[in-house]
Each structure stands twice: as C-alpha cells, then as structure tokens.
Protein backbone atom coordinates (compact mmCIF):
# COMPACT_ATOMS: atom_id res chain seq x y z
CA MET A 1 146.46 36.10 144.19
CA SER A 2 147.15 38.23 141.13
CA VAL A 3 144.83 40.81 139.59
CA ASP A 4 145.23 41.76 135.90
CA ILE A 5 143.16 44.65 134.56
CA VAL A 6 143.41 46.42 131.21
CA VAL A 7 142.16 50.00 131.30
CA THR A 8 141.69 52.25 128.27
CA ARG A 9 140.52 55.82 128.17
CA VAL A 10 139.34 57.85 125.23
CA PRO A 11 140.93 57.92 122.70
CA GLY A 12 142.85 54.82 123.86
CA ASP A 13 145.76 55.53 121.53
CA ARG A 14 148.67 55.15 123.94
CA ALA A 15 149.54 52.48 126.43
CA GLY A 16 151.01 53.14 129.84
CA ALA A 17 153.48 51.10 131.79
CA ASP A 18 152.28 48.01 133.62
CA VAL A 19 151.60 48.41 137.33
CA VAL A 20 153.04 45.56 139.35
CA GLU A 21 152.18 45.78 143.01
CA GLY A 22 151.96 42.78 145.33
CA ILE A 23 149.50 44.35 147.74
CA LEU A 24 146.82 45.07 145.10
CA SER A 25 144.68 42.15 146.14
CA THR A 26 141.19 43.15 144.98
CA VAL A 27 139.77 44.27 141.66
CA VAL A 28 138.40 47.51 143.16
CA ILE A 29 141.79 48.54 144.56
CA ALA A 30 143.54 47.58 141.31
CA ILE A 31 141.11 49.71 139.27
CA LEU A 32 141.64 52.69 141.59
CA ARG A 33 145.43 52.32 141.30
CA GLY A 34 145.24 52.03 137.51
CA THR A 35 143.04 55.11 137.30
CA MET A 36 145.52 57.05 139.45
CA GLU A 37 148.43 55.99 137.19
CA ILE A 38 146.54 57.07 134.07
CA ASP A 39 145.58 60.42 135.61
CA ASP A 40 149.16 61.06 136.76
CA SER A 41 150.55 60.38 133.28
CA GLU A 42 148.14 62.72 131.51
CA PRO A 43 149.82 65.82 130.00
CA VAL A 44 148.70 68.95 131.88
CA ILE A 45 149.15 72.69 131.95
CA VAL A 46 148.94 74.71 135.17
CA VAL A 47 146.29 77.43 135.15
CA THR A 48 146.19 80.08 137.89
CA LEU A 49 142.73 81.37 138.78
CA SER A 50 141.65 83.96 141.36
CA THR A 51 138.39 83.57 143.24
CA ASN A 52 136.63 84.76 146.36
CA TYR A 53 138.30 83.61 149.56
CA ARG A 54 138.01 79.80 149.83
CA PRO A 55 139.12 78.63 153.28
CA GLY A 56 138.12 74.99 152.73
CA VAL A 57 140.13 74.12 149.61
CA ARG A 58 143.11 71.77 149.87
CA LYS A 59 145.92 70.67 147.58
CA GLY A 60 144.81 67.58 145.70
CA ASP A 61 141.14 68.63 145.60
CA ILE A 62 139.41 68.51 142.23
CA ALA A 63 138.13 71.90 141.06
CA GLU A 64 135.39 72.33 138.47
CA VAL A 65 135.85 75.48 136.38
CA LEU A 66 133.36 77.11 134.01
CA ASP A 67 135.22 78.77 131.13
CA GLU A 68 132.67 81.40 130.17
CA LEU A 69 134.61 82.46 127.05
CA GLN A 70 134.50 78.96 125.56
CA GLY A 71 131.25 77.95 127.24
CA LYS A 72 132.84 74.77 128.59
CA THR A 73 133.33 73.27 132.02
CA TRP A 74 136.55 71.45 132.89
CA ARG A 75 138.00 69.78 135.97
CA GLY A 76 141.52 69.87 137.30
CA ARG A 77 143.58 69.05 140.38
CA ILE A 78 144.56 71.88 142.74
CA VAL A 79 148.35 71.90 143.10
CA ASP A 80 148.94 75.20 144.92
CA ILE A 81 146.88 77.65 146.99
CA ASN A 82 147.61 81.25 147.98
CA HIS A 83 145.26 83.27 150.15
CA ASN A 84 145.58 87.02 149.76
CA VAL A 85 144.45 89.95 151.88
CA GLN A 86 144.48 93.57 150.77
CA GLU A 87 142.66 96.01 153.02
CA ALA A 88 139.17 94.48 153.41
CA ASP A 89 139.41 92.21 150.35
CA LEU A 90 140.08 88.48 150.70
CA TRP A 91 140.70 86.20 147.73
CA THR A 92 142.29 82.90 146.85
CA ASP A 93 144.63 82.12 143.96
CA LEU A 94 144.46 78.50 142.85
CA ASP A 95 147.01 76.75 140.62
CA ILE A 96 145.07 74.00 138.88
CA GLU A 97 146.47 71.24 136.65
CA LYS A 98 144.29 71.17 133.54
CA PRO A 99 144.58 68.15 131.21
CA THR A 100 145.83 69.35 127.82
CA ARG A 101 143.67 66.81 125.97
CA LEU A 102 140.78 69.20 126.64
CA TYR A 103 142.31 71.62 124.14
CA THR A 104 142.12 69.20 121.22
C-alpha cells in the first residue's frame, strides 16, 4: 500500500523534498511524518531566554513565549537547557529554536 499526501503551509511558496518511506502505511502517520519534515526544514534562529527554575522542561518540548515588547506570542522548540544556582536563586536558561518566518 502506498500513501501520497501533498502538504502546503502558508505561504506555500516553496516545495520540500518527497518523503519516501515504506513503513508509512496509514494516512495519519504519513501526515505526521510530512509535518515533521516541514517543521525540520523551516529556517530558525536560536533565542536564549532565562526564566524561573523549570525542573519539568525537556529538550524537544514546545515553548510558548510572550514577547511583551512586540505584543506577540510565538512558539519554538527547546534545543538546550541549563539550570543555574547562585546563592538562593534558581533559574533556567532555555535555548529555543524560533522560526524566522515570524519576523516577516
């Protein structure tokens, strides 16, 4: 059985490479794989943010960030985590991949 799905995202102005995978046997799995390929090919910048100590965050988690200066909320993937302790203060530095298309 073969599954063929065409996926476009806004603005839909560039095509990605075809995904050929023999074990993608259902439409749901094929859509998830296509979405992952699109997300992984999106141009990103890495933003480092400091926050209160966050023991439950993991690499690969999606973070939602409110940019108070621009009044916008954006989402990105956490790619690195550093927990810091200085005297009685605990905080977490998060490196987050932010899609650059959000700047346009």
